Amino acid sequence: WDAGLRDIRNTLNHPELLQEATQVNGVTTFD
């Protein structure tokens, strides 16, 4: 449980997820 909580917090606060990036129709994957 704690590992999941830690990983999702780190992901939601990650600058690459938060940044405004160009986006066209298609699939973008974040890992």
ModelCIF file with pLDDT and N, C-alpha, C, O atoms, coordinates in Angstrom:
data_MODEL
#
_entry.id   MODEL 
#
_entity.id                         1 
_entity.type                       polymer 
_entity.pdbx_number_of_molecules   1 
#
_entity_poly.entity_id                      1 
_entity_poly.type                           'polypeptide(L)' 
_entity_poly.nstd_linkage                   no 
_entity_poly.nstd_monomer                   no 
_entity_poly.pdbx_seq_one_letter_code       WDAGLRDIRNTLNHPELLQEATQVNGVTTFD 
_entity_poly.pdbx_seq_one_letter_code_can   WDAGLRDIRNTLNHPELLQEATQVNGVTTFD 
_entity_poly.pdbx_strand_id                 A 
#
loop_
_entity_poly_seq.entity_id 
_entity_poly_seq.num 
_entity_poly_seq.mon_id 
_entity_poly_seq.hetero 
1 1  TRP n 
1 2  ASP n 
1 3  ALA n 
1 4  GLY n 
1 5  LEU n 
1 6  ARG n 
1 7  ASP n 
1 8  ILE n 
1 9  ARG n 
1 10 ASN n 
1 11 THR n 
1 12 LEU n 
1 13 ASN n 
1 14 HIS n 
1 15 PRO n 
1 16 GLU n 
1 17 LEU n 
1 18 LEU n 
1 19 GLN n 
1 20 GLU n 
1 21 ALA n 
1 22 THR n 
1 23 GLN n 
1 24 VAL n 
1 25 ASN n 
1 26 GLY n 
1 27 VAL n 
1 28 THR n 
1 29 THR n 
1 30 PHE n 
1 31 ASP n 
#
_struct_asym.id          A 
_struct_asym.entity_id   1 
#
loop_
_ma_qa_metric.id 
_ma_qa_metric.mode 
_ma_qa_metric.name 
_ma_qa_metric.software_group_id 
_ma_qa_metric.type 
1 global pLDDT . pLDDT 
2 local  pLDDT . pLDDT 
#
_ma_qa_metric_global.metric_id      1 
_ma_qa_metric_global.metric_value   76.77 
_ma_qa_metric_global.model_id       1 
_ma_qa_metric_global.ordinal_id     1 
#
loop_
_ma_qa_metric_local.label_asym_id 
_ma_qa_metric_local.label_comp_id 
_ma_qa_metric_local.label_seq_id 
_ma_qa_metric_local.metric_id 
_ma_qa_metric_local.metric_value 
_ma_qa_metric_local.model_id 
_ma_qa_metric_local.ordinal_id 
A TRP 1  2 97.00 1 1  
A ASP 2  2 96.00 1 2  
A ALA 3  2 95.00 1 3  
A GLY 4  2 96.00 1 4  
A LEU 5  2 96.00 1 5  
A ARG 6  2 94.00 1 6  
A ASP 7  2 93.00 1 7  
A ILE 8  2 93.00 1 8  
A ARG 9  2 92.00 1 9  
A ASN 10 2 89.00 1 10 
A THR 11 2 88.00 1 11 
A LEU 12 2 86.00 1 12 
A ASN 13 2 84.00 1 13 
A HIS 14 2 77.00 1 14 
A PRO 15 2 64.00 1 15 
A GLU 16 2 69.00 1 16 
A LEU 17 2 67.00 1 17 
A LEU 18 2 60.00 1 18 
A GLN 19 2 58.00 1 19 
A GLU 20 2 48.00 1 20 
A ALA 21 2 48.00 1 21 
A THR 22 2 43.00 1 22 
A GLN 23 2 54.00 1 23 
A VAL 24 2 57.00 1 24 
A ASN 25 2 65.00 1 25 
A GLY 26 2 73.00 1 26 
A VAL 27 2 79.00 1 27 
A THR 28 2 80.00 1 28 
A THR 29 2 79.00 1 29 
A PHE 30 2 82.00 1 30 
A ASP 31 2 78.00 1 31 
#
loop_
_atom_site.group_PDB 
_atom_site.id 
_atom_site.type_symbol 
_atom_site.label_atom_id 
_atom_site.label_alt_id 
_atom_site.label_comp_id 
_atom_site.label_asym_id 
_atom_site.label_entity_id 
_atom_site.label_seq_id 
_atom_site.pdbx_PDB_ins_code 
_atom_site.Cartn_x 
_atom_site.Cartn_y 
_atom_site.Cartn_z 
_atom_site.occupancy 
_atom_site.B_iso_or_equiv 
_atom_site.pdbx_formal_charge 
_atom_site.auth_seq_id 
_atom_site.auth_comp_id 
_atom_site.auth_asym_id 
_atom_site.auth_atom_id 
_atom_site.pdbx_PDB_model_num 
ATOM 1   N N  . TRP A 1 1  ? 0.841  -1.201 0.000   1.00 97.00 ? 1  TRP A N  1 
ATOM 2   C CA . TRP A 1 1  ? 0.000  0.000  0.000   1.00 97.00 ? 1  TRP A CA 1 
ATOM 3   C C  . TRP A 1 1  ? 0.878  1.253  0.000   1.00 97.00 ? 1  TRP A C  1 
ATOM 4   O O  . TRP A 1 1  ? 0.666  2.166  -0.798  1.00 97.00 ? 1  TRP A O  1 
ATOM 5   N N  . ASP A 1 2  ? 1.865  1.288  0.902   1.00 96.00 ? 2  ASP A N  1 
ATOM 6   C CA . ASP A 1 2  ? 2.733  2.471  0.999   1.00 96.00 ? 2  ASP A CA 1 
ATOM 7   C C  . ASP A 1 2  ? 3.526  2.691  -0.294  1.00 96.00 ? 2  ASP A C  1 
ATOM 8   O O  . ASP A 1 2  ? 3.744  3.833  -0.700  1.00 96.00 ? 2  ASP A O  1 
ATOM 9   N N  . ALA A 1 3  ? 3.956  1.600  -0.941  1.00 95.00 ? 3  ALA A N  1 
ATOM 10  C CA . ALA A 1 3  ? 4.698  1.730  -2.197  1.00 95.00 ? 3  ALA A CA 1 
ATOM 11  C C  . ALA A 1 3  ? 3.823  2.344  -3.284  1.00 95.00 ? 3  ALA A C  1 
ATOM 12  O O  . ALA A 1 3  ? 4.281  3.204  -4.037  1.00 95.00 ? 3  ALA A O  1 
ATOM 13  N N  . GLY A 1 4  ? 2.566  1.906  -3.371  1.00 96.00 ? 4  GLY A N  1 
ATOM 14  C CA . GLY A 1 4  ? 1.645  2.482  -4.351  1.00 96.00 ? 4  GLY A CA 1 
ATOM 15  C C  . GLY A 1 4  ? 1.382  3.947  -4.086  1.00 96.00 ? 4  GLY A C  1 
ATOM 16  O O  . GLY A 1 4  ? 1.353  4.759  -5.011  1.00 96.00 ? 4  GLY A O  1 
ATOM 17  N N  . LEU A 1 5  ? 1.188  4.288  -2.812  1.00 96.00 ? 5  LEU A N  1 
ATOM 18  C CA . LEU A 1 5  ? 0.944  5.682  -2.444  1.00 96.00 ? 5  LEU A CA 1 
ATOM 19  C C  . LEU A 1 5  ? 2.144  6.547  -2.805  1.00 96.00 ? 5  LEU A C  1 
ATOM 20  O O  . LEU A 1 5  ? 1.988  7.642  -3.344  1.00 96.00 ? 5  LEU A O  1 
ATOM 21  N N  . ARG A 1 6  ? 3.339  6.054  -2.506  1.00 94.00 ? 6  ARG A N  1 
ATOM 22  C CA . ARG A 1 6  ? 4.560  6.814  -2.814  1.00 94.00 ? 6  ARG A CA 1 
ATOM 23  C C  . ARG A 1 6  ? 4.738  6.985  -4.321  1.00 94.00 ? 6  ARG A C  1 
ATOM 24  O O  . ARG A 1 6  ? 5.050  8.081  -4.786  1.00 94.00 ? 6  ARG A O  1 
ATOM 25  N N  . ASP A 1 7  ? 4.542  5.907  -5.087  1.00 93.00 ? 7  ASP A N  1 
ATOM 26  C CA . ASP A 1 7  ? 4.767  5.975  -6.532  1.00 93.00 ? 7  ASP A CA 1 
ATOM 27  C C  . ASP A 1 7  ? 3.790  6.921  -7.215  1.00 93.00 ? 7  ASP A C  1 
ATOM 28  O O  . ASP A 1 7  ? 4.183  7.669  -8.109  1.00 93.00 ? 7  ASP A O  1 
ATOM 29  N N  . ILE A 1 8  ? 2.522  6.903  -6.810  1.00 93.00 ? 8  ILE A N  1 
ATOM 30  C CA . ILE A 1 8  ? 1.553  7.772  -7.490  1.00 93.00 ? 8  ILE A CA 1 
ATOM 31  C C  . ILE A 1 8  ? 1.779  9.233  -7.089  1.00 93.00 ? 8  ILE A C  1 
ATOM 32  O O  . ILE A 1 8  ? 1.586  10.130 -7.910  1.00 93.00 ? 8  ILE A O  1 
ATOM 33  N N  . ARG A 1 9  ? 2.181  9.481  -5.855  1.00 92.00 ? 9  ARG A N  1 
ATOM 34  C CA . ARG A 1 9  ? 2.490  10.863 -5.469  1.00 92.00 ? 9  ARG A CA 1 
ATOM 35  C C  . ARG A 1 9  ? 3.665  11.394 -6.273  1.00 92.00 ? 9  ARG A C  1 
ATOM 36  O O  . ARG A 1 9  ? 3.626  12.519 -6.770  1.00 92.00 ? 9  ARG A O  1 
ATOM 37  N N  . ASN A 1 10 ? 4.716  10.579 -6.401  1.00 89.00 ? 10 ASN A N  1 
ATOM 38  C CA . ASN A 1 10 ? 5.875  11.003 -7.187  1.00 89.00 ? 10 ASN A CA 1 
ATOM 39  C C  . ASN A 1 10 ? 5.501  11.231 -8.645  1.00 89.00 ? 10 ASN A C  1 
ATOM 40  O O  . ASN A 1 10 ? 5.989  12.167 -9.279  1.00 89.00 ? 10 ASN A O  1 
ATOM 41  N N  . THR A 1 11 ? 4.635  10.374 -9.171  1.00 88.00 ? 11 THR A N  1 
ATOM 42  C CA . THR A 1 11 ? 4.236  10.501 -10.574 1.00 88.00 ? 11 THR A CA 1 
ATOM 43  C C  . THR A 1 11 ? 3.401  11.751 -10.803 1.00 88.00 ? 11 THR A C  1 
ATOM 44  O O  . THR A 1 11 ? 3.654  12.498 -11.748 1.00 88.00 ? 11 THR A O  1 
ATOM 45  N N  . LEU A 1 12 ? 2.407  11.989 -9.947  1.00 86.00 ? 12 LEU A N  1 
ATOM 46  C CA . LEU A 1 12 ? 1.521  13.143 -10.132 1.00 86.00 ? 12 LEU A CA 1 
ATOM 47  C C  . LEU A 1 12 ? 2.252  14.461 -9.946  1.00 86.00 ? 12 LEU A C  1 
ATOM 48  O O  . LEU A 1 12 ? 1.819  15.494 -10.456 1.00 86.00 ? 12 LEU A O  1 
ATOM 49  N N  . ASN A 1 13 ? 3.364  14.426 -9.211  1.00 84.00 ? 13 ASN A N  1 
ATOM 50  C CA . ASN A 1 13 ? 4.147  15.651 -9.001  1.00 84.00 ? 13 ASN A CA 1 
ATOM 51  C C  . ASN A 1 13 ? 5.366  15.738 -9.921  1.00 84.00 ? 13 ASN A C  1 
ATOM 52  O O  . ASN A 1 13 ? 6.172  16.661 -9.803  1.00 84.00 ? 13 ASN A O  1 
ATOM 53  N N  . HIS A 1 14 ? 5.497  14.781 -10.831 1.00 77.00 ? 14 HIS A N  1 
ATOM 54  C CA . HIS A 1 14 ? 6.673  14.750 -11.704 1.00 77.00 ? 14 HIS A CA 1 
ATOM 55  C C  . HIS A 1 14 ? 6.597  15.882 -12.733 1.00 77.00 ? 14 HIS A C  1 
ATOM 56  O O  . HIS A 1 14 ? 5.548  16.084 -13.345 1.00 77.00 ? 14 HIS A O  1 
ATOM 57  N N  . PRO A 1 15 ? 7.677  16.611 -12.928 1.00 64.00 ? 15 PRO A N  1 
ATOM 58  C CA . PRO A 1 15 ? 7.637  17.750 -13.866 1.00 64.00 ? 15 PRO A CA 1 
ATOM 59  C C  . PRO A 1 15 ? 7.293  17.358 -15.299 1.00 64.00 ? 15 PRO A C  1 
ATOM 60  O O  . PRO A 1 15 ? 6.709  18.156 -16.031 1.00 64.00 ? 15 PRO A O  1 
ATOM 61  N N  . GLU A 1 16 ? 7.648  16.135 -15.712 1.00 69.00 ? 16 GLU A N  1 
ATOM 62  C CA . GLU A 1 16 ? 7.340  15.724 -17.081 1.00 69.00 ? 16 GLU A CA 1 
ATOM 63  C C  . GLU A 1 16 ? 5.850  15.433 -17.265 1.00 69.00 ? 16 GLU A C  1 
ATOM 64  O O  . GLU A 1 16 ? 5.350  15.483 -18.389 1.00 69.00 ? 16 GLU A O  1 
ATOM 65  N N  . LEU A 1 17 ? 5.145  15.136 -16.196 1.00 67.00 ? 17 LEU A N  1 
ATOM 66  C CA . LEU A 1 17 ? 3.704  14.952 -16.287 1.00 67.00 ? 17 LEU A CA 1 
ATOM 67  C C  . LEU A 1 17 ? 2.984  16.286 -16.170 1.00 67.00 ? 17 LEU A C  1 
ATOM 68  O O  . LEU A 1 17 ? 1.930  16.486 -16.773 1.00 67.00 ? 17 LEU A O  1 
ATOM 69  N N  . LEU A 1 18 ? 3.555  17.195 -15.394 1.00 60.00 ? 18 LEU A N  1 
ATOM 70  C CA . LEU A 1 18 ? 2.898  18.468 -15.130 1.00 60.00 ? 18 LEU A CA 1 
ATOM 71  C C  . LEU A 1 18 ? 3.115  19.501 -16.229 1.00 60.00 ? 18 LEU A C  1 
ATOM 72  O O  . LEU A 1 18 ? 2.296  20.403 -16.404 1.00 60.00 ? 18 LEU A O  1 
ATOM 73  N N  . GLN A 1 19 ? 4.220  19.372 -16.973 1.00 58.00 ? 19 GLN A N  1 
ATOM 74  C CA . GLN A 1 19 ? 4.547  20.406 -17.946 1.00 58.00 ? 19 GLN A CA 1 
ATOM 75  C C  . GLN A 1 19 ? 3.513  20.469 -19.066 1.00 58.00 ? 19 GLN A C  1 
ATOM 76  O O  . GLN A 1 19 ? 2.889  19.469 -19.420 1.00 58.00 ? 19 GLN A O  1 
ATOM 77  N N  . GLU A 1 20 ? 3.353  21.658 -19.605 1.00 48.00 ? 20 GLU A N  1 
ATOM 78  C CA . GLU A 1 20 ? 2.511  21.815 -20.789 1.00 48.00 ? 20 GLU A CA 1 
ATOM 79  C C  . GLU A 1 20 ? 3.355  21.453 -21.992 1.00 48.00 ? 20 GLU A C  1 
ATOM 80  O O  . GLU A 1 20 ? 4.294  22.170 -22.337 1.00 48.00 ? 20 GLU A O  1 
ATOM 81  N N  . ALA A 1 21 ? 3.029  20.357 -22.624 1.00 48.00 ? 21 ALA A N  1 
ATOM 82  C CA . ALA A 1 21 ? 3.792  19.900 -23.789 1.00 48.00 ? 21 ALA A CA 1 
ATOM 83  C C  . ALA A 1 21 ? 2.890  19.921 -25.006 1.00 48.00 ? 21 ALA A C  1 
ATOM 84  O O  . ALA A 1 21 ? 1.665  19.918 -24.885 1.00 48.00 ? 21 ALA A O  1 
ATOM 85  N N  . THR A 1 22 ? 3.512  19.943 -26.198 1.00 43.00 ? 22 THR A N  1 
ATOM 86  C CA . THR A 1 22 ? 2.698  19.880 -27.395 1.00 43.00 ? 22 THR A CA 1 
ATOM 87  C C  . THR A 1 22 ? 1.986  18.545 -27.454 1.00 43.00 ? 22 THR A C  1 
ATOM 88  O O  . THR A 1 22 ? 2.533  17.524 -27.039 1.00 43.00 ? 22 THR A O  1 
ATOM 89  N N  . GLN A 1 23 ? 0.787  18.550 -27.960 1.00 54.00 ? 23 GLN A N  1 
ATOM 90  C CA . GLN A 1 23 ? -0.019 17.342 -27.996 1.00 54.00 ? 23 GLN A CA 1 
ATOM 91  C C  . GLN A 1 23 ? -0.862 17.327 -29.266 1.00 54.00 ? 23 GLN A C  1 
ATOM 92  O O  . GLN A 1 23 ? -1.622 18.260 -29.525 1.00 54.00 ? 23 GLN A O  1 
ATOM 93  N N  . VAL A 1 24 ? -0.729 16.295 -30.032 1.00 57.00 ? 24 VAL A N  1 
ATOM 94  C CA . VAL A 1 24 ? -1.594 16.093 -31.177 1.00 57.00 ? 24 VAL A CA 1 
ATOM 95  C C  . VAL A 1 24 ? -2.377 14.828 -30.930 1.00 57.00 ? 24 VAL A C  1 
ATOM 96  O O  . VAL A 1 24 ? -2.111 14.098 -29.975 1.00 57.00 ? 24 VAL A O  1 
ATOM 97  N N  . ASN A 1 25 ? -3.349 14.567 -31.792 1.00 65.00 ? 25 ASN A N  1 
ATOM 98  C CA . ASN A 1 25 ? -4.095 13.328 -31.672 1.00 65.00 ? 25 ASN A CA 1 
ATOM 99  C C  . ASN A 1 25 ? -3.131 12.149 -31.745 1.00 65.00 ? 25 ASN A C  1 
ATOM 100 O O  . ASN A 1 25 ? -2.297 12.079 -32.647 1.00 65.00 ? 25 ASN A O  1 
ATOM 101 N N  . GLY A 1 26 ? -3.244 11.245 -30.814 1.00 73.00 ? 26 GLY A N  1 
ATOM 102 C CA . GLY A 1 26 ? -2.336 10.116 -30.732 1.00 73.00 ? 26 GLY A CA 1 
ATOM 103 C C  . GLY A 1 26 ? -2.212 9.662  -29.301 1.00 73.00 ? 26 GLY A C  1 
ATOM 104 O O  . GLY A 1 26 ? -2.965 10.113 -28.437 1.00 73.00 ? 26 GLY A O  1 
ATOM 105 N N  . VAL A 1 27 ? -1.267 8.770  -29.035 1.00 79.00 ? 27 VAL A N  1 
ATOM 106 C CA . VAL A 1 27 ? -1.092 8.186  -27.707 1.00 79.00 ? 27 VAL A CA 1 
ATOM 107 C C  . VAL A 1 27 ? 0.248  8.615  -27.130 1.00 79.00 ? 27 VAL A C  1 
ATOM 108 O O  . VAL A 1 27 ? 1.289  8.437  -27.763 1.00 79.00 ? 27 VAL A O  1 
ATOM 109 N N  . THR A 1 28 ? 0.220  9.179  -25.931 1.00 80.00 ? 28 THR A N  1 
ATOM 110 C CA . THR A 1 28 ? 1.423  9.524  -25.194 1.00 80.00 ? 28 THR A CA 1 
ATOM 111 C C  . THR A 1 28 ? 1.490  8.634  -23.960 1.00 80.00 ? 28 THR A C  1 
ATOM 112 O O  . THR A 1 28 ? 0.510  8.528  -23.223 1.00 80.00 ? 28 THR A O  1 
ATOM 113 N N  . THR A 1 29 ? 2.638  7.990  -23.724 1.00 79.00 ? 29 THR A N  1 
ATOM 114 C CA . THR A 1 29 ? 2.794  7.141  -22.549 1.00 79.00 ? 29 THR A CA 1 
ATOM 115 C C  . THR A 1 29 ? 3.812  7.755  -21.593 1.00 79.00 ? 29 THR A C  1 
ATOM 116 O O  . THR A 1 29 ? 4.860  8.249  -22.011 1.00 79.00 ? 29 THR A O  1 
ATOM 117 N N  . PHE A 1 30 ? 3.485  7.715  -20.309 1.00 82.00 ? 30 PHE A N  1 
ATOM 118 C CA . PHE A 1 30 ? 4.356  8.214  -19.244 1.00 82.00 ? 30 PHE A CA 1 
ATOM 119 C C  . PHE A 1 30 ? 4.769  7.035  -18.376 1.00 82.00 ? 30 PHE A C  1 
ATOM 120 O O  . PHE A 1 30 ? 3.921  6.301  -17.868 1.00 82.00 ? 30 PHE A O  1 
ATOM 121 N N  . ASP A 1 31 ? 6.067  6.857  -18.210 1.00 78.00 ? 31 ASP A N  1 
ATOM 122 C CA . ASP A 1 31 ? 6.612  5.776  -17.394 1.00 78.00 ? 31 ASP A CA 1 
ATOM 123 C C  . ASP A 1 31 ? 7.650  6.415  -16.486 1.00 78.00 ? 31 ASP A C  1 
ATOM 124 O O  . ASP A 1 31 ? 8.276  5.725  -15.681 1.00 78.00 ? 31 ASP A O  1 
#
